């Protein structure tokens, strides 16, 4: 079990509030932070496209339509971004 202070994670909590969480959940949190850090290393357009597709669940077609570009450009951009993320995360883990 890992002891964390909720005040460190939630802006609306203003007093120290400690809870114990299972190690697996804490490790998953670190993984999410590492993923967001990795996404920040991408070119802006790739990062936005990956975010829209995987975090906002937008289809490739919807992203292409919103940007006024061909679907193949979005697919290629996302795939290149995923390759970069894979390399980056392998280096830090």
N, C-alpha and C. Protein backbone atom coordinates (compact mmCIF):
# COMPACT_ATOMS: atom_id res chain seq x y z
N UNK A 1 0.84 -1.19 0.00
CA UNK A 1 0.00 0.00 0.00
C UNK A 1 0.88 1.25 0.00
N UNK A 2 0.40 2.25 -0.70
CA UNK A 2 1.11 3.51 -0.82
C UNK A 2 0.28 4.61 -0.18
N UNK A 3 0.90 5.44 0.65
CA UNK A 3 0.22 6.55 1.30
C UNK A 3 0.40 7.80 0.44
N UNK A 4 -0.74 8.43 0.07
CA UNK A 4 -0.66 9.67 -0.72
C UNK A 4 -1.49 10.75 -0.04
N UNK A 5 -1.17 12.00 -0.36
CA UNK A 5 -1.91 13.14 0.14
C UNK A 5 -2.83 13.63 -0.98
N UNK A 6 -4.13 13.55 -0.80
CA UNK A 6 -5.07 13.95 -1.84
C UNK A 6 -4.92 15.43 -2.21
N UNK A 7 -4.43 16.23 -1.29
CA UNK A 7 -4.19 17.64 -1.56
C UNK A 7 -3.21 17.84 -2.72
N UNK A 8 -2.31 16.87 -2.92
CA UNK A 8 -1.33 16.95 -4.01
C UNK A 8 -1.94 16.65 -5.37
N UNK A 9 -3.12 16.06 -5.39
CA UNK A 9 -3.74 15.63 -6.64
C UNK A 9 -4.99 16.41 -7.02
N UNK A 10 -5.66 17.00 -6.04
CA UNK A 10 -6.93 17.68 -6.30
C UNK A 10 -6.89 19.11 -5.75
N UNK A 11 -7.09 20.08 -6.64
CA UNK A 11 -6.98 21.49 -6.26
C UNK A 11 -8.02 21.91 -5.24
N UNK A 12 -9.18 21.27 -5.25
CA UNK A 12 -10.24 21.69 -4.33
C UNK A 12 -10.02 21.19 -2.90
N UNK A 13 -9.06 20.30 -2.68
CA UNK A 13 -8.75 19.84 -1.33
C UNK A 13 -7.63 20.73 -0.80
N UNK A 14 -7.92 21.45 0.28
CA UNK A 14 -6.97 22.45 0.78
C UNK A 14 -6.28 22.05 2.07
N UNK A 15 -6.71 20.93 2.67
CA UNK A 15 -6.04 20.46 3.89
C UNK A 15 -5.42 19.09 3.60
N UNK A 16 -4.41 18.75 4.35
CA UNK A 16 -3.77 17.46 4.16
C UNK A 16 -4.78 16.34 4.43
N UNK A 17 -4.95 15.49 3.44
CA UNK A 17 -5.88 14.36 3.54
C UNK A 17 -5.16 13.13 3.01
N UNK A 18 -4.68 12.30 3.90
CA UNK A 18 -3.90 11.13 3.51
C UNK A 18 -4.79 9.90 3.37
N UNK A 19 -4.54 9.14 2.30
CA UNK A 19 -5.22 7.87 2.09
C UNK A 19 -4.20 6.84 1.64
N UNK A 20 -4.53 5.59 1.82
CA UNK A 20 -3.69 4.50 1.34
C UNK A 20 -4.34 3.89 0.11
N UNK A 21 -3.52 3.69 -0.92
CA UNK A 21 -4.03 3.08 -2.14
C UNK A 21 -3.15 1.88 -2.50
N UNK A 22 -3.72 0.90 -3.19
CA UNK A 22 -2.92 -0.26 -3.61
C UNK A 22 -1.79 0.17 -4.54
N UNK A 23 -0.67 -0.52 -4.49
CA UNK A 23 0.49 -0.18 -5.31
C UNK A 23 0.17 -0.15 -6.80
N UNK A 24 -0.72 -1.07 -7.27
CA UNK A 24 -1.04 -1.12 -8.70
C UNK A 24 -1.67 0.19 -9.18
N UNK A 25 -2.51 0.77 -8.34
CA UNK A 25 -3.16 2.03 -8.71
C UNK A 25 -2.13 3.15 -8.74
N UNK A 26 -1.23 3.18 -7.78
CA UNK A 26 -0.20 4.21 -7.75
C UNK A 26 0.70 4.08 -8.98
N UNK A 27 1.07 2.85 -9.34
CA UNK A 27 1.91 2.63 -10.51
C UNK A 27 1.19 3.07 -11.78
N UNK A 28 -0.10 2.83 -11.88
CA UNK A 28 -0.87 3.26 -13.04
C UNK A 28 -0.85 4.78 -13.14
N UNK A 29 -0.93 5.48 -12.02
CA UNK A 29 -0.87 6.94 -12.00
C UNK A 29 0.46 7.42 -12.56
N UNK A 30 1.53 6.80 -12.15
CA UNK A 30 2.83 7.19 -12.67
C UNK A 30 2.89 6.95 -14.17
N UNK A 31 2.31 5.85 -14.62
CA UNK A 31 2.30 5.55 -16.04
C UNK A 31 1.53 6.61 -16.81
N UNK A 32 0.41 7.07 -16.29
CA UNK A 32 -0.35 8.14 -16.94
C UNK A 32 0.46 9.42 -17.02
N UNK A 33 1.17 9.75 -15.95
CA UNK A 33 2.00 10.94 -15.96
C UNK A 33 3.12 10.81 -16.99
N UNK A 34 3.72 9.63 -17.05
CA UNK A 34 4.78 9.41 -18.03
C UNK A 34 4.22 9.51 -19.45
N UNK A 35 3.02 9.00 -19.67
CA UNK A 35 2.40 9.08 -20.98
C UNK A 35 2.15 10.53 -21.38
N UNK A 36 1.62 11.32 -20.48
CA UNK A 36 1.37 12.73 -20.79
C UNK A 36 2.68 13.47 -21.05
N UNK A 37 3.72 13.15 -20.31
CA UNK A 37 5.03 13.75 -20.54
C UNK A 37 5.54 13.37 -21.92
N UNK A 38 5.36 12.11 -22.29
CA UNK A 38 5.79 11.64 -23.61
C UNK A 38 5.02 12.36 -24.72
N UNK A 39 3.73 12.53 -24.54
CA UNK A 39 2.92 13.21 -25.55
C UNK A 39 3.38 14.65 -25.73
N UNK A 40 3.84 15.27 -24.66
CA UNK A 40 4.32 16.65 -24.75
C UNK A 40 5.59 16.77 -25.60
N UNK A 41 6.29 15.66 -25.85
CA UNK A 41 7.50 15.71 -26.68
C UNK A 41 7.17 15.66 -28.16
N UNK A 42 5.92 15.39 -28.51
CA UNK A 42 5.51 15.31 -29.91
C UNK A 42 5.32 16.71 -30.50
N UNK A 43 5.44 16.80 -31.83
CA UNK A 43 5.05 18.06 -32.46
C UNK A 43 3.58 18.36 -32.12
N UNK A 44 3.25 19.61 -32.04
CA UNK A 44 1.93 20.04 -31.59
C UNK A 44 0.79 19.36 -32.35
N UNK A 45 0.90 19.31 -33.67
CA UNK A 45 -0.17 18.74 -34.49
C UNK A 45 -0.36 17.25 -34.19
N UNK A 46 0.74 16.51 -34.06
CA UNK A 46 0.64 15.08 -33.73
C UNK A 46 0.03 14.88 -32.35
N UNK A 47 0.48 15.67 -31.39
CA UNK A 47 -0.03 15.54 -30.03
C UNK A 47 -1.54 15.79 -30.00
N UNK A 48 -1.99 16.83 -30.69
CA UNK A 48 -3.42 17.14 -30.71
C UNK A 48 -4.23 16.03 -31.37
N UNK A 49 -3.68 15.46 -32.44
CA UNK A 49 -4.39 14.40 -33.15
C UNK A 49 -4.47 13.13 -32.29
N UNK A 50 -3.39 12.79 -31.64
CA UNK A 50 -3.40 11.61 -30.76
C UNK A 50 -4.35 11.84 -29.59
N UNK A 51 -4.30 13.03 -29.01
CA UNK A 51 -5.20 13.35 -27.91
C UNK A 51 -6.67 13.25 -28.35
N UNK A 52 -6.97 13.83 -29.50
CA UNK A 52 -8.35 13.80 -30.00
C UNK A 52 -8.81 12.37 -30.26
N UNK A 53 -7.94 11.57 -30.85
CA UNK A 53 -8.33 10.21 -31.22
C UNK A 53 -8.44 9.28 -30.00
N UNK A 54 -7.43 9.30 -29.14
CA UNK A 54 -7.40 8.33 -28.04
C UNK A 54 -8.02 8.82 -26.74
N UNK A 55 -7.99 10.11 -26.48
CA UNK A 55 -8.54 10.61 -25.22
C UNK A 55 -9.96 11.15 -25.38
N UNK A 56 -10.24 11.73 -26.54
CA UNK A 56 -11.58 12.26 -26.79
C UNK A 56 -12.42 11.31 -27.63
N UNK A 57 -11.84 10.19 -28.04
CA UNK A 57 -12.51 9.15 -28.84
C UNK A 57 -13.06 9.67 -30.16
N UNK A 58 -12.39 10.63 -30.75
CA UNK A 58 -12.79 11.12 -32.07
C UNK A 58 -12.30 10.15 -33.14
N UNK A 59 -13.09 9.95 -34.15
CA UNK A 59 -12.68 9.09 -35.26
C UNK A 59 -11.66 9.85 -36.12
N UNK A 60 -10.89 9.09 -36.89
CA UNK A 60 -9.95 9.70 -37.82
C UNK A 60 -10.71 10.58 -38.82
N UNK A 61 -11.86 10.12 -39.25
CA UNK A 61 -12.69 10.89 -40.19
C UNK A 61 -13.11 12.23 -39.58
N UNK A 62 -13.53 12.21 -38.31
CA UNK A 62 -13.96 13.44 -37.65
C UNK A 62 -12.80 14.42 -37.48
N UNK A 63 -11.63 13.91 -37.14
CA UNK A 63 -10.45 14.78 -36.99
C UNK A 63 -10.10 15.39 -38.33
N UNK A 64 -10.08 14.57 -39.38
CA UNK A 64 -9.76 15.06 -40.72
C UNK A 64 -10.75 16.14 -41.16
N UNK A 65 -12.02 15.91 -40.90
CA UNK A 65 -13.04 16.88 -41.27
C UNK A 65 -12.85 18.20 -40.51
N UNK A 66 -12.57 18.09 -39.21
CA UNK A 66 -12.38 19.30 -38.38
C UNK A 66 -11.16 20.10 -38.84
N UNK A 67 -10.12 19.40 -39.33
CA UNK A 67 -8.91 20.09 -39.77
C UNK A 67 -8.93 20.43 -41.26
N UNK A 68 -9.91 19.88 -41.98
CA UNK A 68 -10.00 20.14 -43.41
C UNK A 68 -8.89 19.48 -44.21
N UNK A 69 -8.49 18.27 -43.77
CA UNK A 69 -7.43 17.53 -44.47
C UNK A 69 -7.92 16.12 -44.79
N UNK A 70 -7.11 15.40 -45.55
CA UNK A 70 -7.42 14.03 -45.93
C UNK A 70 -7.24 13.09 -44.75
N UNK A 71 -8.09 12.06 -44.67
CA UNK A 71 -7.99 11.05 -43.60
C UNK A 71 -6.61 10.41 -43.54
N UNK A 72 -5.99 10.18 -44.70
CA UNK A 72 -4.69 9.52 -44.72
C UNK A 72 -3.62 10.34 -44.00
N UNK A 73 -3.74 11.67 -44.06
CA UNK A 73 -2.79 12.53 -43.35
C UNK A 73 -2.91 12.34 -41.83
N UNK A 74 -4.14 12.22 -41.36
CA UNK A 74 -4.38 12.03 -39.93
C UNK A 74 -3.85 10.67 -39.50
N UNK A 75 -4.17 9.64 -40.27
CA UNK A 75 -3.71 8.28 -39.94
C UNK A 75 -2.19 8.22 -39.89
N UNK A 76 -1.55 8.79 -40.91
CA UNK A 76 -0.07 8.79 -40.97
C UNK A 76 0.52 9.55 -39.78
N UNK A 77 -0.05 10.69 -39.47
CA UNK A 77 0.44 11.51 -38.36
C UNK A 77 0.30 10.77 -37.02
N UNK A 78 -0.85 10.16 -36.80
CA UNK A 78 -1.07 9.42 -35.56
C UNK A 78 -0.11 8.24 -35.46
N UNK A 79 0.07 7.51 -36.55
CA UNK A 79 0.97 6.35 -36.52
C UNK A 79 2.42 6.77 -36.26
N UNK A 80 2.86 7.86 -36.88
CA UNK A 80 4.21 8.36 -36.63
C UNK A 80 4.36 8.81 -35.17
N UNK A 81 3.33 9.45 -34.66
CA UNK A 81 3.36 9.87 -33.26
C UNK A 81 3.43 8.69 -32.31
N UNK A 82 2.68 7.63 -32.61
CA UNK A 82 2.70 6.44 -31.76
C UNK A 82 4.07 5.77 -31.78
N UNK A 83 4.72 5.75 -32.94
CA UNK A 83 6.08 5.19 -33.02
C UNK A 83 7.04 6.01 -32.16
N UNK A 84 6.91 7.33 -32.23
CA UNK A 84 7.76 8.20 -31.40
C UNK A 84 7.50 7.94 -29.91
N UNK A 85 6.24 7.83 -29.53
CA UNK A 85 5.90 7.57 -28.13
C UNK A 85 6.48 6.25 -27.66
N UNK A 86 6.39 5.24 -28.51
CA UNK A 86 6.93 3.93 -28.15
C UNK A 86 8.44 4.01 -27.89
N UNK A 87 9.16 4.67 -28.76
CA UNK A 87 10.61 4.83 -28.59
C UNK A 87 10.92 5.63 -27.31
N UNK A 88 10.20 6.72 -27.12
CA UNK A 88 10.42 7.56 -25.95
C UNK A 88 10.19 6.79 -24.65
N UNK A 89 9.07 6.09 -24.59
CA UNK A 89 8.73 5.38 -23.36
C UNK A 89 9.68 4.21 -23.10
N UNK A 90 10.18 3.56 -24.14
CA UNK A 90 11.16 2.49 -23.95
C UNK A 90 12.45 3.04 -23.35
N UNK A 91 12.80 4.26 -23.70
CA UNK A 91 14.02 4.88 -23.18
C UNK A 91 13.91 5.32 -21.73
N UNK A 92 12.70 5.69 -21.30
CA UNK A 92 12.58 6.18 -19.91
C UNK A 92 12.16 5.10 -18.94
N UNK A 93 11.64 3.98 -19.44
CA UNK A 93 11.18 2.93 -18.54
C UNK A 93 12.24 1.90 -18.28
